[in-house]
Amino acid sequence: MATGVYRITNMSVKPTKMVRATSWSDDVEEAYRFQLAGYRDAQDYVVCNKAEADRWPHNGYIKKLIRKDGCWYYFNKSRECSDKDVPKCKLYSY
């Protein structure tokens, strides 16, 4: 699972590679939640909001995100990325 603090020293960090997910994992779940709210990934969220995403304490999944239009997305404690949405999810490498 992708948890931890993201420190960004260069605000113009661009991904070098993008692949589409083929099967569900914790990393796919995290990417799905960020992309549903309009962000590329956790680094993009931190750059835009100057804050880390709120997470559920027991599993580390994202609890809520601020969308780019100022509204909030609230997520359940369990998996939200269904099998049909997995191929729509993009995973970025830096």
C-alpha atoms as a PDB file:
ATOM      1  CA  MET A   1       0.000   0.000   0.000  1.00  0.00           C
ATOM      2  CA  ALA A   2       1.333   3.431  -0.843  1.00  0.00           C
ATOM      3  CA  THR A   3       1.438   5.291   2.432  1.00  0.00           C
ATOM      4  CA  GLY A   4       3.913   7.829   3.643  1.00  0.00           C
ATOM      5  CA  VAL A   5       4.894  11.425   3.304  1.00  0.00           C
ATOM      6  CA  TYR A   6       5.544  12.795  -0.160  1.00  0.00           C
ATOM      7  CA  ARG A   7       8.155  15.514  -0.231  1.00  0.00           C
ATOM      8  CA  ILE A   8       8.292  17.471  -3.436  1.00  0.00           C
ATOM      9  CA  THR A   9      11.274  19.695  -3.968  1.00  0.00           C
ATOM     10  CA  ASN A  10      10.580  20.543  -7.598  1.00  0.00           C
ATOM     11  CA  MET A  11       7.007  21.698  -8.229  1.00  0.00           C
ATOM     12  CA  SER A  12       7.186  20.809 -11.921  1.00  0.00           C
ATOM     13  CA  VAL A  13       7.749  17.072 -11.437  1.00  0.00           C
ATOM     14  CA  LYS A  14       6.345  15.194 -14.421  1.00  0.00           C
ATOM     15  CA  PRO A  15       5.892  11.433 -14.680  1.00  0.00           C
ATOM     16  CA  THR A  16       8.234   9.558 -16.999  1.00  0.00           C
ATOM     17  CA  LYS A  17       5.986   6.563 -17.591  1.00  0.00           C
ATOM     18  CA  MET A  18       2.297   5.681 -17.456  1.00  0.00           C
ATOM     19  CA  VAL A  19       0.745   2.210 -17.550  1.00  0.00           C
ATOM     20  CA  ARG A  20      -2.857   1.108 -17.181  1.00  0.00           C
ATOM     21  CA  ALA A  21      -3.715  -1.240 -14.348  1.00  0.00           C
ATOM     22  CA  THR A  22      -4.568  -4.817 -15.273  1.00  0.00           C
ATOM     23  CA  SER A  23      -5.578  -6.179 -11.858  1.00  0.00           C
ATOM     24  CA  TRP A  24      -6.697  -4.667  -8.571  1.00  0.00           C
ATOM     25  CA  SER A  25      -4.183  -3.886  -5.822  1.00  0.00           C
ATOM     26  CA  ASP A  26      -3.839  -1.333  -3.024  1.00  0.00           C
ATOM     27  CA  ASP A  27      -1.816   0.922  -5.353  1.00  0.00           C
ATOM     28  CA  VAL A  28      -4.573   0.764  -7.966  1.00  0.00           C
ATOM     29  CA  GLU A  29      -7.164   1.628  -5.299  1.00  0.00           C
ATOM     30  CA  GLU A  30      -5.163   4.679  -4.244  1.00  0.00           C
ATOM     31  CA  ALA A  31      -4.650   5.854  -7.833  1.00  0.00           C
ATOM     32  CA  TYR A  32      -8.364   5.342  -8.562  1.00  0.00           C
ATOM     33  CA  ARG A  33      -9.396   7.563  -5.644  1.00  0.00           C
ATOM     34  CA  PHE A  34      -7.024  10.372  -6.634  1.00  0.00           C
ATOM     35  CA  GLN A  35      -8.041  10.202 -10.294  1.00  0.00           C
ATOM     36  CA  LEU A  36     -11.739  10.204  -9.397  1.00  0.00           C
ATOM     37  CA  ALA A  37     -11.148  13.537  -7.634  1.00  0.00           C
ATOM     38  CA  GLY A  38      -9.290  14.954 -10.655  1.00  0.00           C
ATOM     39  CA  TYR A  39      -5.656  14.456  -9.628  1.00  0.00           C
ATOM     40  CA  ARG A  40      -2.953  12.412 -11.316  1.00  0.00           C
ATOM     41  CA  ASP A  41      -1.670  10.873  -8.061  1.00  0.00           C
ATOM     42  CA  ALA A  42      -0.669  11.713  -4.476  1.00  0.00           C
ATOM     43  CA  GLN A  43       2.151  14.013  -5.587  1.00  0.00           C
ATOM     44  CA  ASP A  44      -0.210  16.051  -7.763  1.00  0.00           C
ATOM     45  CA  TYR A  45      -2.631  16.325  -4.810  1.00  0.00           C
ATOM     46  CA  VAL A  46       0.102  17.601  -2.473  1.00  0.00           C
ATOM     47  CA  VAL A  47       1.287  20.186  -5.026  1.00  0.00           C
ATOM     48  CA  CYS A  48      -2.252  21.506  -5.556  1.00  0.00           C
ATOM     49  CA  ASN A  49      -3.448  21.490  -1.929  1.00  0.00           C
ATOM     50  CA  LYS A  50      -0.250  21.813   0.135  1.00  0.00           C
ATOM     51  CA  ALA A  51      -1.559  19.019   2.389  1.00  0.00           C
ATOM     52  CA  GLU A  52      -1.626  15.243   2.608  1.00  0.00           C
ATOM     53  CA  ALA A  53      -4.829  13.307   1.969  1.00  0.00           C
ATOM     54  CA  ASP A  54      -6.850  12.163   4.998  1.00  0.00           C
ATOM     55  CA  ARG A  55      -6.660   8.394   5.448  1.00  0.00           C
ATOM     56  CA  TRP A  56      -8.528   5.673   7.305  1.00  0.00           C
ATOM     57  CA  PRO A  57      -6.327   4.650  10.263  1.00  0.00           C
ATOM     58  CA  HIS A  58      -6.849   0.870  10.083  1.00  0.00           C
ATOM     59  CA  ASN A  59      -5.963   0.263   6.414  1.00  0.00           C
ATOM     60  CA  GLY A  60      -4.413   3.492   5.110  1.00  0.00           C
ATOM     61  CA  TYR A  61      -6.936   3.982   2.298  1.00  0.00           C
ATOM     62  CA  ILE A  62      -7.852   7.555   1.426  1.00  0.00           C
ATOM     63  CA  LYS A  63     -10.772   8.828   3.496  1.00  0.00           C
ATOM     64  CA  LYS A  64     -11.550  12.152   1.820  1.00  0.00           C
ATOM     65  CA  LEU A  65     -10.145  14.429  -0.874  1.00  0.00           C
ATOM     66  CA  ILE A  66     -10.756  18.006  -1.921  1.00  0.00           C
ATOM     67  CA  ARG A  67     -11.638  18.162  -5.599  1.00  0.00           C
ATOM     68  CA  LYS A  68     -10.134  20.890  -7.763  1.00  0.00           C
ATOM     69  CA  ASP A  69     -13.471  22.740  -7.768  1.00  0.00           C
ATOM     70  CA  GLY A  70     -13.466  22.907  -3.947  1.00  0.00           C
ATOM     71  CA  CYS A  71     -16.034  20.167  -3.277  1.00  0.00           C
ATOM     72  CA  TRP A  72     -15.191  17.064  -1.257  1.00  0.00           C
ATOM     73  CA  TYR A  73     -15.104  13.371  -2.119  1.00  0.00           C
ATOM     74  CA  TYR A  74     -15.713  10.979   0.793  1.00  0.00           C
ATOM     75  CA  PHE A  75     -14.654   7.354   0.440  1.00  0.00           C
ATOM     76  CA  ASN A  76     -15.651   4.158   2.255  1.00  0.00           C
ATOM     77  CA  LYS A  77     -13.268   2.095   4.352  1.00  0.00           C
ATOM     78  CA  SER A  78     -13.429  -0.763   1.884  1.00  0.00           C
ATOM     79  CA  ARG A  79     -12.542  -1.169  -1.781  1.00  0.00           C
ATOM     80  CA  GLU A  80     -14.266   1.252  -4.170  1.00  0.00           C
ATOM     81  CA  CYS A  81     -12.537   0.496  -7.466  1.00  0.00           C
ATOM     82  CA  SER A  82     -14.684  -2.171  -9.092  1.00  0.00           C
ATOM     83  CA  ASP A  83     -13.217  -4.701 -11.508  1.00  0.00           C
ATOM     84  CA  LYS A  84     -14.710  -2.870 -14.496  1.00  0.00           C
ATOM     85  CA  ASP A  85     -12.925   0.366 -13.438  1.00  0.00           C
ATOM     86  CA  VAL A  86      -9.468  -1.198 -12.987  1.00  0.00           C
ATOM     87  CA  PRO A  87      -8.397  -0.796 -16.669  1.00  0.00           C
ATOM     88  CA  LYS A  88      -9.389   2.894 -16.547  1.00  0.00           C
ATOM     89  CA  CYS A  89      -6.889   3.557 -13.765  1.00  0.00           C
ATOM     90  CA  LYS A  90      -3.491   4.985 -14.732  1.00  0.00           C
ATOM     91  CA  LEU A  91      -0.343   4.235 -12.730  1.00  0.00           C
ATOM     92  CA  TYR A  92       2.469   6.778 -13.061  1.00  0.00           C
ATOM     93  CA  SER A  93       6.221   6.313 -12.547  1.00  0.00           C
ATOM     94  CA  TYR A  94       8.710   9.090 -11.834  1.00  0.00           C
END
